[in-house]
């Protein structure tokens, strides 16, 4: 691709404006969002992705007749940016939200018949919406439930703009506010590990407070859970690519960027094998270590800070049974290594039996374990949790591993996360690891893409698409 000197079509009686172009590097949710937002504003956009598909780390693949998600991804009603994204690619109906938060929690330390507890909300104002659920939650003692309520009110009072929150760990804060080890396991980590990808003691208080304040203490319906009822690839690859095509974005997969630089006129050159792409703006929407390697000198004050943003793994265990063994769409577990179990039967296309996916966050101790060892560990645990599995045949057992699934939300990470703008004019950053205020979620990725596009459009003198920031008003 060479320098494009064509102009935008002018309005009647108006002079031509020079065409503006952008290259977005990275086809995950951040890059897709940035490309759509720029194209919707009239920018000529090329999106480059090194993998053979879009979607980043939220994707699907084929295993025989199964369509398998690499990992179970969910979102909440408070994830207004991701909900905007779903609407923009016409995928909202394929990833519906619960009518009302309802999380079954099975505790293996209780005898059969008394293991089930539920976290659910009532149609009441915050914090009364969770009052009945907490008061009857059987996995905590009466005293522990009362102390949880007091800690929740203290958490609600924290100022998320206070930078000192990022220097503290959530576990110490919980202990200082009367939370027992059991309360941390049965409630705070039940939610926190799944959203932060870290146990409380390893998580920044700032990020943890953001999760709990926004998800549980901002609006009665904020924590209602949504998930894809189709393979993730249907949303983040097929529908996303259809939306990009309709917006006029040139999308190139299997295309690795080797370098980016500016010329004497301040325009950007993006080098890929056999081609140089030139543009007025570049959005770098790749993981932090890849961004570190591509950023030109001087783009950030201390580019090596990006290497200080650690990563955390997620392990997913996939089990296909010859019969139905679970009667609900998902549940969380206590008293067992198993964290969350989801029924993926319909979404995967399985015609007979049932397909369960176990989502294991903060999986540092198991991410490299052999499949045979994981099978020996997790199948007996499923038999303990689900009596119907005890006579069922395991038709397939496999694992998927994302060793760098998220950035590690450790205390101090906040000061390492850069914003969308760099010191190089026309160069912008996007990715869940940038300074969105959110942990490494699909919501954070989409928000970062919006921020990068907004910064680029401002510099290019182009108005923002009218629908782009509606979700901010709704947040």
Protein backbone atom coordinates (compact mmCIF):
# COMPACT_ATOMS: atom_id res chain seq x y z
CA UNK A 1 0.00 0.00 0.00
CA UNK A 2 1.45 3.38 -0.95
CA UNK A 3 0.62 6.90 0.17
CA UNK A 4 -3.08 7.57 -0.45
CA UNK A 5 -3.61 11.14 -1.70
CA UNK A 6 -7.31 10.81 -2.46
CA UNK A 7 -9.70 13.22 -0.76
CA UNK A 8 -12.97 12.75 1.03
CA UNK A 9 -16.05 13.56 -1.01
CA UNK A 10 -17.09 17.14 -0.08
CA UNK A 11 -20.55 18.33 0.76
CA UNK A 12 -22.22 20.42 -1.91
CA UNK A 13 -20.57 23.82 -2.12
CA UNK A 14 -17.84 22.88 0.35
CA UNK A 15 -14.14 22.57 -0.47
CA UNK A 16 -12.50 19.18 -0.44
CA UNK A 17 -10.76 18.05 2.73
CA UNK A 18 -7.60 15.98 2.41
CA UNK A 19 -8.20 12.32 3.15
CA UNK A 20 -7.07 11.11 6.54
CA UNK A 21 -5.87 7.57 7.08
CA UNK A 22 -5.00 5.35 10.00
CA UNK A 23 -3.42 1.97 10.57
CA UNK A 24 -4.57 -0.07 13.55
CA UNK A 25 -2.11 -2.76 14.60
CA UNK A 26 -3.78 -5.64 16.43
CA UNK A 27 -7.14 -7.29 15.77
CA UNK A 28 -8.32 -7.98 19.31
CA UNK A 29 -11.29 -6.18 20.81
CA UNK A 30 -9.26 -3.01 21.38
CA UNK A 31 -8.08 -2.86 17.78
CA UNK A 32 -11.46 -3.75 16.29
CA UNK A 33 -13.11 -1.03 18.38
CA UNK A 34 -10.54 1.60 17.39
CA UNK A 35 -10.85 0.67 13.71
CA UNK A 36 -14.67 0.86 13.78
CA UNK A 37 -14.68 4.18 15.61
CA UNK A 38 -12.16 5.75 13.22
CA UNK A 39 -13.92 4.42 10.14
CA UNK A 40 -17.30 5.62 11.42
CA UNK A 41 -15.76 9.12 11.58
CA UNK A 42 -14.70 8.97 7.94
CA UNK A 43 -11.08 7.92 8.40
CA UNK A 44 -9.61 5.45 5.88
CA UNK A 45 -8.54 2.55 8.11
CA UNK A 46 -6.35 -0.51 7.64
CA UNK A 47 -6.45 -3.12 10.41
CA UNK A 48 -3.51 -5.51 10.69
CA UNK A 49 -3.55 -8.75 12.69
CA UNK A 50 -0.79 -11.33 12.88
CA UNK A 51 -3.08 -14.25 13.67
CA UNK A 52 -5.32 -15.87 11.04
CA UNK A 53 -8.41 -14.50 12.79
CA UNK A 54 -9.71 -11.55 14.77
CA UNK A 55 -10.70 -11.54 18.43
CA UNK A 56 -7.39 -11.57 20.29
CA UNK A 57 -7.58 -13.84 23.33
CA UNK A 58 -11.35 -14.26 23.12
CA UNK A 59 -11.64 -16.66 20.20
CA UNK A 60 -12.87 -20.08 19.05
CA UNK A 61 -11.36 -23.05 17.25
CA UNK A 62 -12.52 -26.39 15.87
CA UNK A 63 -11.91 -29.70 17.64
CA UNK A 64 -13.55 -32.34 15.51
CA UNK A 65 -17.22 -31.44 15.39
CA UNK A 66 -16.95 -29.14 18.41
CA UNK A 67 -16.51 -25.38 18.16
CA UNK A 68 -14.48 -24.60 21.26
CA UNK A 69 -13.90 -21.25 22.96
CA UNK A 70 -10.33 -20.92 24.19
CA UNK A 71 -11.77 -19.80 27.52
CA UNK A 72 -15.05 -18.88 29.12
CA UNK A 73 -15.67 -15.13 28.91
CA UNK A 74 -18.50 -13.30 30.64
CA UNK A 75 -19.45 -9.67 31.03
CA UNK A 76 -21.71 -7.71 33.38
CA UNK A 77 -24.52 -5.26 32.82
CA UNK A 78 -22.17 -2.51 34.03
CA UNK A 79 -19.85 -3.29 31.09
CA UNK A 80 -21.37 -0.52 29.02
CA UNK A 81 -18.51 -0.33 26.52
CA UNK A 82 -18.61 -4.03 25.67
CA UNK A 83 -22.39 -3.82 25.40
CA UNK A 84 -21.93 -0.95 22.93
CA UNK A 85 -19.47 -3.12 21.01
CA UNK A 86 -21.95 -5.99 20.83
CA UNK A 87 -24.59 -3.62 19.55
CA UNK A 88 -22.19 -2.12 16.99
CA UNK A 89 -21.43 -5.55 15.48
CA UNK A 90 -25.10 -6.62 15.77
CA UNK A 91 -24.31 -9.35 18.28
CA UNK A 92 -26.31 -8.31 21.34
CA UNK A 93 -28.96 -11.01 20.94
CA UNK A 94 -26.25 -13.69 20.79
CA UNK A 95 -24.78 -12.79 24.20
CA UNK A 96 -27.78 -12.01 26.44
CA UNK A 97 -27.68 -10.87 30.05
CA UNK A 98 -29.43 -12.54 32.95
CA UNK A 99 -32.73 -10.92 33.87
CA UNK A 100 -31.38 -10.70 37.39
CA UNK A 101 -28.08 -11.70 39.01
CA UNK A 102 -28.21 -15.31 40.18
CA UNK A 103 -25.04 -17.29 40.92
CA UNK A 104 -25.38 -20.83 42.29
CA UNK A 105 -22.48 -21.64 44.66
CA UNK A 106 -21.81 -25.29 45.61
CA UNK A 107 -19.70 -25.96 48.70
CA UNK A 108 -18.08 -29.40 48.77
CA UNK A 109 -17.35 -29.07 52.48
CA UNK A 110 -21.08 -29.39 53.15
CA UNK A 111 -22.93 -32.75 53.01
CA UNK A 112 -24.85 -33.59 49.84
CA UNK A 113 -28.24 -31.93 49.85
CA UNK A 114 -26.96 -28.90 51.75
CA UNK A 115 -24.25 -27.69 49.42
CA UNK A 116 -26.15 -25.10 47.38
CA UNK A 117 -26.10 -21.41 48.17
CA UNK A 118 -26.98 -18.51 45.88
CA UNK A 119 -25.81 -14.97 45.32
CA UNK A 120 -28.69 -13.09 43.75
CA UNK A 121 -30.26 -9.69 43.82
CA UNK A 122 -33.70 -8.33 44.59
CA UNK A 123 -35.39 -5.41 42.77
CA UNK A 124 -34.40 -2.98 45.52
CA UNK A 125 -32.04 0.02 45.71
CA UNK A 126 -28.32 -0.41 46.46
CA UNK A 127 -27.25 -1.86 48.90
CA UNK A 128 -30.58 -3.45 49.85
CA UNK A 129 -30.61 -5.34 46.53
CA UNK A 130 -28.12 -7.85 47.98
CA UNK A 131 -29.32 -7.74 51.58
CA UNK A 132 -31.55 -10.81 51.52
CA UNK A 133 -29.00 -12.84 49.58
CA UNK A 134 -26.22 -12.00 52.00
CA UNK A 135 -28.42 -12.58 55.05
CA UNK A 136 -29.28 -16.10 53.88
CA UNK A 137 -25.96 -17.05 52.27
CA UNK A 138 -25.25 -20.43 53.87
CA UNK A 139 -21.52 -20.53 53.18
CA UNK A 140 -20.75 -17.89 55.83
CA UNK A 141 -21.63 -17.71 59.51
CA UNK A 142 -24.02 -15.07 60.78
CA UNK A 143 -21.12 -13.09 62.24
CA UNK A 144 -19.17 -13.30 58.98
CA UNK A 145 -22.19 -12.06 57.01
CA UNK A 146 -22.53 -9.04 59.28
CA UNK A 147 -18.86 -8.20 58.88
CA UNK A 148 -19.13 -8.56 55.10
CA UNK A 149 -21.87 -5.94 55.11
CA UNK A 150 -19.71 -3.51 57.07
CA UNK A 151 -16.73 -4.11 54.76
CA UNK A 152 -18.93 -3.53 51.71
CA UNK A 153 -20.02 -0.16 53.07
CA UNK A 154 -16.39 0.76 53.75
CA UNK A 155 -15.49 -0.29 50.22
CA UNK A 156 -18.31 1.84 48.83
CA UNK A 157 -16.79 4.84 50.59
CA UNK A 158 -13.38 4.53 48.92
CA UNK A 159 -12.43 7.16 46.36
CA UNK A 160 -11.33 5.37 43.18
CA UNK A 161 -9.38 8.48 42.17
CA UNK A 162 -7.11 8.11 45.22
CA UNK A 163 -3.72 6.91 43.87
CA UNK A 164 -2.75 5.38 47.22
CA UNK A 165 -5.31 2.62 46.68
CA UNK A 166 -3.09 1.24 43.94
CA UNK A 167 -0.20 0.81 46.38
CA UNK A 168 -2.16 -1.46 48.75
CA UNK A 169 -3.23 -5.06 48.34
CA UNK A 170 -6.87 -6.03 48.65
CA UNK A 171 -6.21 -8.95 50.99
CA UNK A 172 -4.63 -6.77 53.67
CA UNK A 173 -7.47 -4.27 53.39
CA UNK A 174 -10.03 -7.06 53.85
CA UNK A 175 -8.21 -8.42 56.87
CA UNK A 176 -8.08 -4.92 58.39
CA UNK A 177 -11.84 -4.69 57.91
CA UNK A 178 -12.62 -7.88 59.80
CA UNK A 179 -12.85 -10.35 56.93
CA UNK A 180 -12.01 -13.93 57.88
CA UNK A 181 -10.13 -16.30 55.58
CA UNK A 182 -13.44 -18.09 55.04
CA UNK A 183 -15.19 -14.85 54.00
CA UNK A 184 -12.41 -14.11 51.55
CA UNK A 185 -12.66 -17.60 50.03
CA UNK A 186 -16.44 -17.87 49.96
CA UNK A 187 -17.28 -14.38 48.77
CA UNK A 188 -14.55 -11.85 47.98
CA UNK A 189 -12.28 -14.23 46.03
CA UNK A 190 -15.27 -16.01 44.52
CA UNK A 191 -15.95 -12.79 42.61
CA UNK A 192 -12.48 -11.25 42.62
CA UNK A 193 -10.47 -14.13 41.20
CA UNK A 194 -12.82 -14.42 38.23
CA UNK A 195 -12.74 -10.68 37.47
CA UNK A 196 -9.20 -9.73 38.51
CA UNK A 197 -7.38 -12.99 37.75
CA UNK A 198 -5.69 -12.81 41.14
CA UNK A 199 -6.46 -13.71 44.73
CA UNK A 200 -7.13 -10.82 47.08
CA UNK A 201 -3.62 -10.79 48.55
CA UNK A 202 -2.08 -10.37 45.09
CA UNK A 203 -4.51 -7.73 43.80
CA UNK A 204 -4.35 -3.96 43.85
CA UNK A 205 -6.90 -2.45 46.23
CA UNK A 206 -7.64 0.16 43.59
CA UNK A 207 -8.64 -2.38 40.95
CA UNK A 208 -10.52 -4.56 43.43
CA UNK A 209 -12.45 -1.57 44.76
CA UNK A 210 -13.31 -0.59 41.19
CA UNK A 211 -14.69 -4.08 40.50
CA UNK A 212 -16.81 -4.32 43.62
CA UNK A 213 -17.99 -0.69 43.68
CA UNK A 214 -18.97 -0.73 40.01
CA UNK A 215 -20.30 -4.28 39.81
CA UNK A 216 -22.05 -4.70 43.15
CA UNK A 217 -22.49 -1.28 44.72
CA UNK A 218 -23.34 1.16 41.90
CA UNK A 219 -26.68 0.03 40.47
CA UNK A 220 -28.98 -2.85 41.41
CA UNK A 221 -28.55 -4.56 38.04
CA UNK A 222 -24.87 -3.79 37.50
CA UNK A 223 -23.64 -7.34 38.24
CA UNK A 224 -26.18 -9.22 36.10
CA UNK A 225 -24.08 -11.68 34.08
CA UNK A 226 -24.02 -12.07 30.31
CA UNK A 227 -22.17 -14.56 28.14
CA UNK A 228 -22.07 -15.68 24.54
CA UNK A 229 -24.60 -18.35 23.62
CA UNK A 230 -22.65 -18.90 20.40
CA UNK A 231 -18.92 -19.48 19.91
CA UNK A 232 -16.84 -16.37 20.61
CA UNK A 233 -15.53 -16.52 17.07
CA UNK A 234 -19.05 -15.86 15.81
CA UNK A 235 -18.97 -12.52 17.64
CA UNK A 236 -15.36 -11.38 17.70
CA UNK A 237 -14.32 -12.69 14.29
CA UNK A 238 -17.25 -13.21 11.90
CA UNK A 239 -19.59 -10.44 13.03
CA UNK A 240 -16.71 -8.09 13.82
CA UNK A 241 -15.23 -8.61 10.36
CA UNK A 242 -18.65 -8.05 8.78
CA UNK A 243 -18.96 -4.75 10.66
CA UNK A 244 -15.43 -3.73 9.64
CA UNK A 245 -16.13 -4.55 6.00
CA UNK A 246 -19.36 -2.55 6.09
CA UNK A 247 -17.47 0.41 7.58
CA UNK A 248 -14.92 0.28 4.76
CA UNK A 249 -12.01 -0.98 6.86
CA UNK A 250 -9.32 -2.92 5.01
CA UNK A 251 -8.63 -5.92 7.27
CA UNK A 252 -5.48 -7.99 6.81
CA UNK A 253 -4.85 -11.10 8.93
CA UNK A 254 -1.67 -13.17 8.99
CA UNK A 255 0.15 -9.84 8.71
CA UNK A 256 2.93 -9.11 11.20
CA UNK A 257 4.19 -5.57 11.64
CA UNK A 258 7.97 -5.38 11.80
CA UNK A 259 8.45 -1.66 12.50
CA UNK A 260 6.75 1.73 12.67
CA UNK A 261 8.40 5.09 12.02
CA UNK A 262 7.70 8.63 10.84
CA UNK A 263 8.97 10.38 7.72
CA UNK A 264 10.18 13.96 7.32
CA UNK A 265 6.58 15.16 6.95
CA UNK A 266 5.44 13.54 10.19
CA UNK A 267 3.44 10.81 8.48
CA UNK A 268 3.68 7.27 9.74
CA UNK A 269 5.17 4.32 7.91
CA UNK A 270 4.12 0.84 9.01
CA UNK A 271 6.34 -1.93 7.69
CA UNK A 272 4.95 -5.38 6.99
CA UNK A 273 6.60 -8.10 4.91
CA UNK A 274 6.68 -6.89 1.32
CA UNK A 275 4.77 -3.67 1.90
CA UNK A 276 4.92 -0.25 3.54
CA UNK A 277 1.68 1.32 4.69
CA UNK A 278 1.59 5.08 5.22
CA UNK A 279 -0.90 6.85 7.41
CA UNK A 280 -1.64 10.00 9.41
CA UNK A 281 -2.26 8.03 12.60
CA UNK A 282 -1.33 4.66 14.05
CA UNK A 283 -3.08 2.84 16.88
CA UNK A 284 -0.90 0.20 18.50
CA UNK A 285 -3.39 -2.30 19.97
CA UNK A 286 -1.09 -5.18 20.90
CA UNK A 287 0.08 -6.71 24.23
CA UNK A 288 2.38 -4.59 26.35
CA UNK A 289 5.58 -6.47 25.53
CA UNK A 290 4.90 -6.32 21.80
CA UNK A 291 4.09 -2.62 22.13
CA UNK A 292 7.41 -2.13 23.93
CA UNK A 293 9.28 -3.67 20.99
CA UNK A 294 7.45 -1.61 18.35
CA UNK A 295 7.35 1.81 20.01
CA UNK A 296 9.84 4.26 18.48
CA UNK A 297 12.36 6.00 20.72
CA UNK A 298 10.86 8.83 22.74
CA UNK A 299 7.25 7.73 22.35
CA UNK A 300 6.98 7.19 26.11
CA UNK A 301 9.04 8.75 28.90
CA UNK A 302 10.04 5.32 30.17
CA UNK A 303 9.09 2.66 27.69
CA UNK A 304 10.65 -0.04 29.89
CA UNK A 305 7.82 0.51 32.36
CA UNK A 306 5.72 -1.61 30.04
CA UNK A 307 7.93 -4.58 30.87
CA UNK A 308 7.01 -4.09 34.51
CA UNK A 309 3.38 -4.89 33.77
CA UNK A 310 3.30 -8.59 34.57
CA UNK A 311 0.99 -11.22 33.18
CA UNK A 312 -1.30 -13.81 34.77
CA UNK A 313 -2.50 -17.14 33.31
CA UNK A 314 -5.92 -18.73 32.95
CA UNK A 315 -6.41 -22.48 32.51
CA UNK A 316 -9.56 -23.95 30.98
CA UNK A 317 -10.45 -27.62 31.42
CA UNK A 318 -12.92 -29.07 28.89
CA UNK A 319 -14.89 -32.26 29.56
CA UNK A 320 -17.41 -33.93 27.25
CA UNK A 321 -19.74 -36.51 28.84
CA UNK A 322 -21.98 -39.02 27.10
CA UNK A 323 -25.05 -37.71 28.93
CA UNK A 324 -26.41 -34.63 30.67
CA UNK A 325 -24.83 -34.21 34.10
CA UNK A 326 -25.57 -30.55 34.92
CA UNK A 327 -28.99 -28.92 34.90
CA UNK A 328 -27.99 -25.26 35.17
CA UNK A 329 -25.99 -23.02 32.81
CA UNK A 330 -23.15 -22.44 35.28
CA UNK A 331 -22.13 -22.51 38.91
CA UNK A 332 -19.24 -21.54 41.18
CA UNK A 333 -17.63 -23.95 43.61
CA UNK A 334 -16.04 -23.89 47.07
CA UNK A 335 -14.05 -26.54 48.93
CA UNK A 336 -12.49 -27.80 45.69
CA UNK A 337 -9.86 -26.68 43.19
CA UNK A 338 -12.69 -26.10 40.70
CA UNK A 339 -13.68 -22.43 40.46
CA UNK A 340 -16.44 -21.99 37.84
CA UNK A 341 -18.19 -24.55 35.61
CA UNK A 342 -20.14 -23.62 32.46
CA UNK A 343 -22.37 -25.69 30.18
CA UNK A 344 -21.06 -25.15 26.63
CA UNK A 345 -23.11 -27.91 24.97
CA UNK A 346 -25.38 -25.84 22.74
CA UNK A 347 -22.80 -23.17 21.91
CA UNK A 348 -20.26 -25.78 20.80
CA UNK A 349 -22.65 -27.61 18.48
CA UNK A 350 -22.52 -30.86 20.48
CA UNK A 351 -25.49 -33.03 19.52
CA UNK A 352 -25.30 -35.77 22.17
CA UNK A 353 -24.16 -35.69 25.77
CA UNK A 354 -22.97 -32.58 27.60
CA UNK A 355 -19.87 -30.40 27.35
CA UNK A 356 -18.63 -28.63 30.49
CA UNK A 357 -15.90 -26.00 30.62
CA UNK A 358 -14.04 -25.30 33.85
CA UNK A 359 -12.58 -21.79 34.06
CA UNK A 360 -9.57 -21.65 36.37
CA UNK A 361 -8.19 -18.15 36.91
CA UNK A 362 -4.94 -17.25 38.69
CA UNK A 363 -3.67 -20.65 37.55
CA UNK A 364 0.06 -20.10 38.05
CA UNK A 365 0.50 -23.45 39.79
CA UNK A 366 -1.21 -25.50 37.07
CA UNK A 367 -0.76 -23.68 33.79
CA UNK A 368 2.04 -26.03 32.65
CA UNK A 369 0.72 -29.22 34.25
CA UNK A 370 0.41 -32.22 31.88
CA UNK A 371 -3.06 -33.02 30.61
CA UNK A 372 -2.93 -36.44 32.31
CA UNK A 373 -2.25 -34.81 35.68
CA UNK A 374 -5.09 -32.33 35.20
CA UNK A 375 -7.44 -35.15 34.22
CA UNK A 376 -6.50 -37.08 37.36
CA UNK A 377 -7.10 -33.97 39.45
CA UNK A 378 -10.32 -32.56 38.01
CA UNK A 379 -12.49 -35.53 37.01
CA UNK A 380 -12.77 -36.80 40.61
CA UNK A 381 -13.61 -33.26 41.73
CA UNK A 382 -16.43 -33.09 39.20
CA UNK A 383 -17.71 -36.44 40.48
CA UNK A 384 -17.73 -35.02 44.00
CA UNK A 385 -19.62 -31.90 42.86
CA UNK A 386 -22.01 -33.46 40.36
CA UNK A 387 -23.35 -36.90 41.33
CA UNK A 388 -24.67 -37.48 37.79
CA UNK A 389 -21.10 -37.65 36.47
CA UNK A 390 -20.33 -40.78 38.48
CA UNK A 391 -21.92 -43.13 36.00
CA UNK A 392 -21.20 -41.07 32.93
CA UNK A 393 -18.57 -41.82 30.28
CA UNK A 394 -15.98 -39.14 29.53
CA UNK A 395 -15.99 -38.87 25.74
CA UNK A 396 -13.29 -36.19 25.56
CA UNK A 397 -11.00 -34.33 27.93
CA UNK A 398 -8.68 -31.52 26.89
CA UNK A 399 -7.29 -28.23 28.17
CA UNK A 400 -6.61 -24.78 26.77
CA UNK A 401 -3.94 -22.59 28.29
CA UNK A 402 -3.52 -18.83 28.11
CA UNK A 403 -0.23 -18.21 29.85
CA UNK A 404 -0.48 -14.45 29.40
CA UNK A 405 -4.27 -14.19 29.56
CA UNK A 406 -4.33 -10.85 31.40
CA UNK A 407 -2.02 -8.30 32.90
CA UNK A 408 -1.33 -9.06 36.55
CA UNK A 409 -3.38 -6.66 38.73
CA UNK A 410 -0.66 -6.35 41.37
CA UNK A 411 -0.31 -3.38 43.72
CA UNK A 412 1.52 -0.59 41.89
CA UNK A 413 0.45 -1.65 38.39
CA UNK A 414 -1.68 1.45 38.01
CA UNK A 415 1.32 3.78 37.71
CA UNK A 416 2.76 1.57 34.96
CA UNK A 417 -0.30 1.60 32.69
CA UNK A 418 0.03 4.30 30.00
CA UNK A 419 -2.82 6.32 28.56
CA UNK A 420 -3.90 6.34 24.94
CA UNK A 421 -1.69 9.24 23.88
CA UNK A 422 2.05 8.94 23.39
CA UNK A 423 4.66 11.67 22.96
CA UNK A 424 4.88 10.82 19.26
CA UNK A 425 2.21 12.85 17.39
CA UNK A 426 -0.22 10.54 15.65
CA UNK A 427 0.70 7.41 17.64
CA UNK A 428 -1.77 5.98 20.14
CA UNK A 429 -1.98 2.95 22.44
CA UNK A 430 -4.89 0.59 23.06
CA UNK A 431 -5.30 -2.66 24.95
CA UNK A 432 -6.88 -3.89 28.17
CA UNK A 433 -3.51 -3.23 29.86
CA UNK A 434 -3.60 0.54 29.22
CA UNK A 435 -4.95 3.05 31.75
CA UNK A 436 -8.67 2.37 31.50
CA UNK A 437 -9.28 2.09 35.24
CA UNK A 438 -10.58 -1.45 34.71
CA UNK A 439 -8.86 -4.80 35.19
CA UNK A 440 -7.99 -6.89 32.13
CA UNK A 441 -11.48 -7.59 30.82
CA UNK A 442 -13.29 -7.33 27.49
CA UNK A 443 -14.73 -4.09 28.86
CA UNK A 444 -11.27 -2.66 29.42
CA UNK A 445 -10.20 -3.64 25.91
CA UNK A 446 -13.16 -1.92 24.26
CA UNK A 447 -12.78 1.18 26.42
CA UNK A 448 -9.13 1.43 25.42
CA UNK A 449 -10.04 1.26 21.74
CA UNK A 450 -12.56 4.04 22.20
CA UNK A 451 -9.99 6.19 24.02
CA UNK A 452 -7.36 5.67 21.32
CA UNK A 453 -9.83 6.50 18.54
CA UNK A 454 -11.05 9.57 20.42
CA UNK A 455 -7.48 10.85 20.83
CA UNK A 456 -6.69 10.23 17.17
CA UNK A 457 -9.87 11.91 15.92
CA UNK A 458 -9.19 14.94 18.09
CA UNK A 459 -5.70 15.31 16.61
CA UNK A 460 -7.00 14.77 13.07
CA UNK A 461 -9.70 17.39 13.54
CA UNK A 462 -12.53 14.98 12.91
CA UNK A 463 -15.78 14.83 14.89
CA UNK A 464 -16.47 11.71 16.87
CA UNK A 465 -19.19 9.36 15.63
CA UNK A 466 -22.47 10.36 17.24
CA UNK A 467 -23.07 6.99 18.89
CA UNK A 468 -19.52 6.33 20.08
CA UNK A 469 -19.75 7.74 23.58
CA UNK A 470 -23.34 7.00 24.48
CA UNK A 471 -22.13 4.21 26.77
CA UNK A 472 -20.11 6.70 28.83
CA UNK A 473 -23.28 8.60 29.70
CA UNK A 474 -24.97 5.35 30.67
CA UNK A 475 -22.07 4.14 32.86
